[in-house]
Amino acid sequence: AAAAAAKPAEDEPGWPETGAILGVAALGAGVTALALRLKLVRDDGS
């Protein structure tokens, strides 16, 4: 989904900042999801 959302930004040279914003947002969401998953695993293990 993230790659599909970033592709139109690459196709339109007038919107590089939009591609960067989408990339950062996708990265932030991924890091947040990973951190939450690790926290849940730790809570279940202890």
PDB file of N, CA and C in Angstrom:
ATOM      1  N   ALA A   1       0.836  -1.208   0.000  1.00  0.00           N
ATOM      2  CA  ALA A   1       0.000   0.000   0.000  1.00  0.00           C
ATOM      3  C   ALA A   1       0.868   1.254   0.000  1.00  0.00           C
ATOM      4  N   ALA A   2       1.926   1.217   0.810  1.00  0.00           N
ATOM      5  CA  ALA A   2       2.814   2.382   0.887  1.00  0.00           C
ATOM      6  C   ALA A   2       3.504   2.614  -0.452  1.00  0.00           C
ATOM      7  N   ALA A   3       3.935   1.528  -1.081  1.00  0.00           N
ATOM      8  CA  ALA A   3       4.615   1.661  -2.378  1.00  0.00           C
ATOM      9  C   ALA A   3       3.645   2.191  -3.430  1.00  0.00           C
ATOM     10  N   ALA A   4       2.400   1.724  -3.392  1.00  0.00           N
ATOM     11  CA  ALA A   4       1.400   2.175  -4.353  1.00  0.00           C
ATOM     12  C   ALA A   4       1.090   3.659  -4.147  1.00  0.00           C
ATOM     13  N   ALA A   5       1.099   4.104  -2.906  1.00  0.00           N
ATOM     14  CA  ALA A   5       0.816   5.510  -2.619  1.00  0.00           C
ATOM     15  C   ALA A   5       1.993   6.404  -3.009  1.00  0.00           C
ATOM     16  N   ALA A   6       3.205   5.874  -2.910  1.00  0.00           N
ATOM     17  CA  ALA A   6       4.391   6.672  -3.216  1.00  0.00           C
ATOM     18  C   ALA A   6       4.643   6.744  -4.723  1.00  0.00           C
ATOM     19  N   LYS A   7       4.168   5.748  -5.482  1.00  0.00           N
ATOM     20  CA  LYS A   7       4.459   5.700  -6.921  1.00  0.00           C
ATOM     21  C   LYS A   7       3.910   6.906  -7.687  1.00  0.00           C
ATOM     22  N   PRO A   8       2.647   7.328  -7.474  1.00  0.00           N
ATOM     23  CA  PRO A   8       2.166   8.511  -8.197  1.00  0.00           C
ATOM     24  C   PRO A   8       2.998   9.761  -7.899  1.00  0.00           C
ATOM     25  N   ALA A   9       3.536   9.850  -6.697  1.00  0.00           N
ATOM     26  CA  ALA A   9       4.355  11.010  -6.341  1.00  0.00           C
ATOM     27  C   ALA A   9       5.630  11.013  -7.182  1.00  0.00           C
ATOM     28  N   GLU A  10       6.174   9.835  -7.465  1.00  0.00           N
ATOM     29  CA  GLU A  10       7.380   9.751  -8.292  1.00  0.00           C
ATOM     30  C   GLU A  10       7.052  10.113  -9.739  1.00  0.00           C
ATOM     31  N   ASP A  11       5.857   9.711 -10.204  1.00  0.00           N
ATOM     32  CA  ASP A  11       5.464   9.980 -11.575  1.00  0.00           C
ATOM     33  C   ASP A  11       5.222  11.476 -11.806  1.00  0.00           C
ATOM     34  N   GLU A  12       4.868  12.210 -10.761  1.00  0.00           N
ATOM     35  CA  GLU A  12       4.614  13.647 -10.897  1.00  0.00           C
ATOM     36  C   GLU A  12       5.771  14.419 -10.269  1.00  0.00           C
ATOM     37  N   PRO A  13       6.671  14.975 -11.091  1.00  0.00           N
ATOM     38  CA  PRO A  13       7.848  15.663 -10.553  1.00  0.00           C
ATOM     39  C   PRO A  13       7.505  16.905  -9.751  1.00  0.00           C
ATOM     40  N   GLY A  14       6.291  17.414  -9.878  1.00  0.00           N
ATOM     41  CA  GLY A  14       5.916  18.616  -9.150  1.00  0.00           C
ATOM     42  C   GLY A  14       5.565  18.352  -7.698  1.00  0.00           C
ATOM     43  N   TRP A  15       5.534  17.063  -7.292  1.00  0.00           N
ATOM     44  CA  TRP A  15       5.111  16.749  -5.927  1.00  0.00           C
ATOM     45  C   TRP A  15       6.136  15.914  -5.156  1.00  0.00           C
ATOM     46  N   PRO A  16       7.408  16.293  -5.147  1.00  0.00           N
ATOM     47  CA  PRO A  16       8.391  15.481  -4.408  1.00  0.00           C
ATOM     48  C   PRO A  16       8.151  15.520  -2.907  1.00  0.00           C
ATOM     49  N   GLU A  17       7.691  16.663  -2.419  1.00  0.00           N
ATOM     50  CA  GLU A  17       7.472  16.768  -0.970  1.00  0.00           C
ATOM     51  C   GLU A  17       6.317  15.875  -0.523  1.00  0.00           C
ATOM     52  N   THR A  18       5.319  15.678  -1.389  1.00  0.00           N
ATOM     53  CA  THR A  18       4.208  14.790  -1.033  1.00  0.00           C
ATOM     54  C   THR A  18       4.706  13.359  -0.889  1.00  0.00           C
ATOM     55  N   GLY A  19       5.579  12.930  -1.787  1.00  0.00           N
ATOM     56  CA  GLY A  19       6.151  11.586  -1.694  1.00  0.00           C
ATOM     57  C   GLY A  19       6.953  11.429  -0.419  1.00  0.00           C
ATOM     58  N   ALA A  20       7.704  12.469  -0.049  1.00  0.00           N
ATOM     59  CA  ALA A  20       8.506  12.410   1.175  1.00  0.00           C
ATOM     60  C   ALA A  20       7.604  12.332   2.400  1.00  0.00           C
ATOM     61  N   ILE A  21       6.532  13.116   2.401  1.00  0.00           N
ATOM     62  CA  ILE A  21       5.592  13.108   3.534  1.00  0.00           C
ATOM     63  C   ILE A  21       4.939  11.738   3.665  1.00  0.00           C
ATOM     64  N   LEU A  22       4.515  11.167   2.545  1.00  0.00           N
ATOM     65  CA  LEU A  22       3.900   9.832   2.577  1.00  0.00           C
ATOM     66  C   LEU A  22       4.905   8.801   3.061  1.00  0.00           C
ATOM     67  N   GLY A  23       6.138   8.901   2.599  1.00  0.00           N
ATOM     68  CA  GLY A  23       7.173   7.955   3.016  1.00  0.00           C
ATOM     69  C   GLY A  23       7.431   8.042   4.509  1.00  0.00           C
ATOM     70  N   VAL A  24       7.567   9.273   5.023  1.00  0.00           N
ATOM     71  CA  VAL A  24       7.804   9.460   6.454  1.00  0.00           C
ATOM     72  C   VAL A  24       6.616   8.970   7.268  1.00  0.00           C
ATOM     73  N   ALA A  25       5.408   9.248   6.791  1.00  0.00           N
ATOM     74  CA  ALA A  25       4.211   8.798   7.509  1.00  0.00           C
ATOM     75  C   ALA A  25       4.135   7.276   7.534  1.00  0.00           C
ATOM     76  N   ALA A  26       4.433   6.640   6.397  1.00  0.00           N
ATOM     77  CA  ALA A  26       4.410   5.176   6.338  1.00  0.00           C
ATOM     78  C   ALA A  26       5.485   4.594   7.246  1.00  0.00           C
ATOM     79  N   LEU A  27       6.671   5.208   7.240  1.00  0.00           N
ATOM     80  CA  LEU A  27       7.761   4.740   8.092  1.00  0.00           C
ATOM     81  C   LEU A  27       7.380   4.885   9.560  1.00  0.00           C
ATOM     82  N   GLY A  28       6.822   6.032   9.922  1.00  0.00           N
ATOM     83  CA  GLY A  28       6.401   6.255  11.305  1.00  0.00           C
ATOM     84  C   GLY A  28       5.342   5.257  11.741  1.00  0.00           C
ATOM     85  N   ALA A  29       4.392   4.966  10.853  1.00  0.00           N
ATOM     86  CA  ALA A  29       3.348   3.996  11.189  1.00  0.00           C
ATOM     87  C   ALA A  29       3.948   2.608  11.371  1.00  0.00           C
ATOM     88  N   GLY A  30       4.902   2.254  10.520  1.00  0.00           N
ATOM     89  CA  GLY A  30       5.553   0.947  10.633  1.00  0.00           C
ATOM     90  C   GLY A  30       6.329   0.823  11.926  1.00  0.00           C
ATOM     91  N   VAL A  31       7.074   1.871  12.284  1.00  0.00           N
ATOM     92  CA  VAL A  31       7.850   1.852  13.526  1.00  0.00           C
ATOM     93  C   VAL A  31       6.915   1.773  14.730  1.00  0.00           C
ATOM     94  N   THR A  32       5.823   2.516  14.687  1.00  0.00           N
ATOM     95  CA  THR A  32       4.853   2.493  15.787  1.00  0.00           C
ATOM     96  C   THR A  32       4.239   1.105  15.938  1.00  0.00           C
ATOM     97  N   ALA A  33       3.847   0.502  14.815  1.00  0.00           N
ATOM     98  CA  ALA A  33       3.250  -0.835  14.860  1.00  0.00           C
ATOM     99  C   ALA A  33       4.250  -1.853  15.391  1.00  0.00           C
ATOM    100  N   LEU A  34       5.505  -1.730  14.968  1.00  0.00           N
ATOM    101  CA  LEU A  34       6.539  -2.658  15.422  1.00  0.00           C
ATOM    102  C   LEU A  34       6.765  -2.491  16.923  1.00  0.00           C
ATOM    103  N   ALA A  35       6.828  -1.249  17.394  1.00  0.00           N
ATOM    104  CA  ALA A  35       7.037  -0.996  18.821  1.00  0.00           C
ATOM    105  C   ALA A  35       5.874  -1.551  19.646  1.00  0.00           C
ATOM    106  N   LEU A  36       4.644  -1.351  19.173  1.00  0.00           N
ATOM    107  CA  LEU A  36       3.477  -1.878  19.890  1.00  0.00           C
ATOM    108  C   LEU A  36       3.506  -3.403  19.923  1.00  0.00           C
ATOM    109  N   ARG A  37       3.894  -4.018  18.798  1.00  0.00           N
ATOM    110  CA  ARG A  37       3.955  -5.483  18.732  1.00  0.00           C
ATOM    111  C   ARG A  37       5.003  -5.999  19.713  1.00  0.00           C
ATOM    112  N   LEU A  38       6.171  -5.352  19.746  1.00  0.00           N
ATOM    113  CA  LEU A  38       7.225  -5.777  20.676  1.00  0.00           C
ATOM    114  C   LEU A  38       6.763  -5.608  22.121  1.00  0.00           C
ATOM    115  N   LYS A  39       6.049  -4.523  22.402  1.00  0.00           N
ATOM    116  CA  LYS A  39       5.555  -4.289  23.756  1.00  0.00           C
ATOM    117  C   LYS A  39       4.550  -5.369  24.156  1.00  0.00           C
ATOM    118  N   LEU A  40       3.665  -5.740  23.243  1.00  0.00           N
ATOM    119  CA  LEU A  40       2.681  -6.788  23.531  1.00  0.00           C
ATOM    120  C   LEU A  40       3.388  -8.115  23.782  1.00  0.00           C
ATOM    121  N   VAL A  41       4.390  -8.417  22.982  1.00  0.00           N
ATOM    122  CA  VAL A  41       5.134  -9.673  23.156  1.00  0.00           C
ATOM    123  C   VAL A  41       5.825  -9.681  24.514  1.00  0.00           C
ATOM    124  N   ARG A  42       6.411  -8.569  24.899  1.00  0.00           N
ATOM    125  CA  ARG A  42       7.087  -8.491  26.198  1.00  0.00           C
ATOM    126  C   ARG A  42       6.077  -8.655  27.332  1.00  0.00           C
ATOM    127  N   ASP A  43       4.921  -8.003  27.197  1.00  0.00           N
ATOM    128  CA  ASP A  43       3.906  -8.100  28.246  1.00  0.00           C
ATOM    129  C   ASP A  43       3.406  -9.535  28.371  1.00  0.00           C
ATOM    130  N   ASP A  44       3.240 -10.231  27.241  1.00  0.00           N
ATOM    131  CA  ASP A  44       2.763 -11.618  27.279  1.00  0.00           C
ATOM    132  C   ASP A  44       3.823 -12.541  27.869  1.00  0.00           C
ATOM    133  N   GLY A  45       5.088 -12.238  27.584  1.00  0.00           N
ATOM    134  CA  GLY A  45       6.166 -13.112  28.060  1.00  0.00           C
ATOM    135  C   GLY A  45       6.410 -12.998  29.551  1.00  0.00           C
ATOM    136  N   SER A  46       6.112 -11.849  30.136  1.00  0.00           N
ATOM    137  CA  SER A  46       6.406 -11.656  31.564  1.00  0.00           C
ATOM    138  C   SER A  46       5.183 -11.843  32.442  1.00  0.00           C
TER     139      SER A  46
END
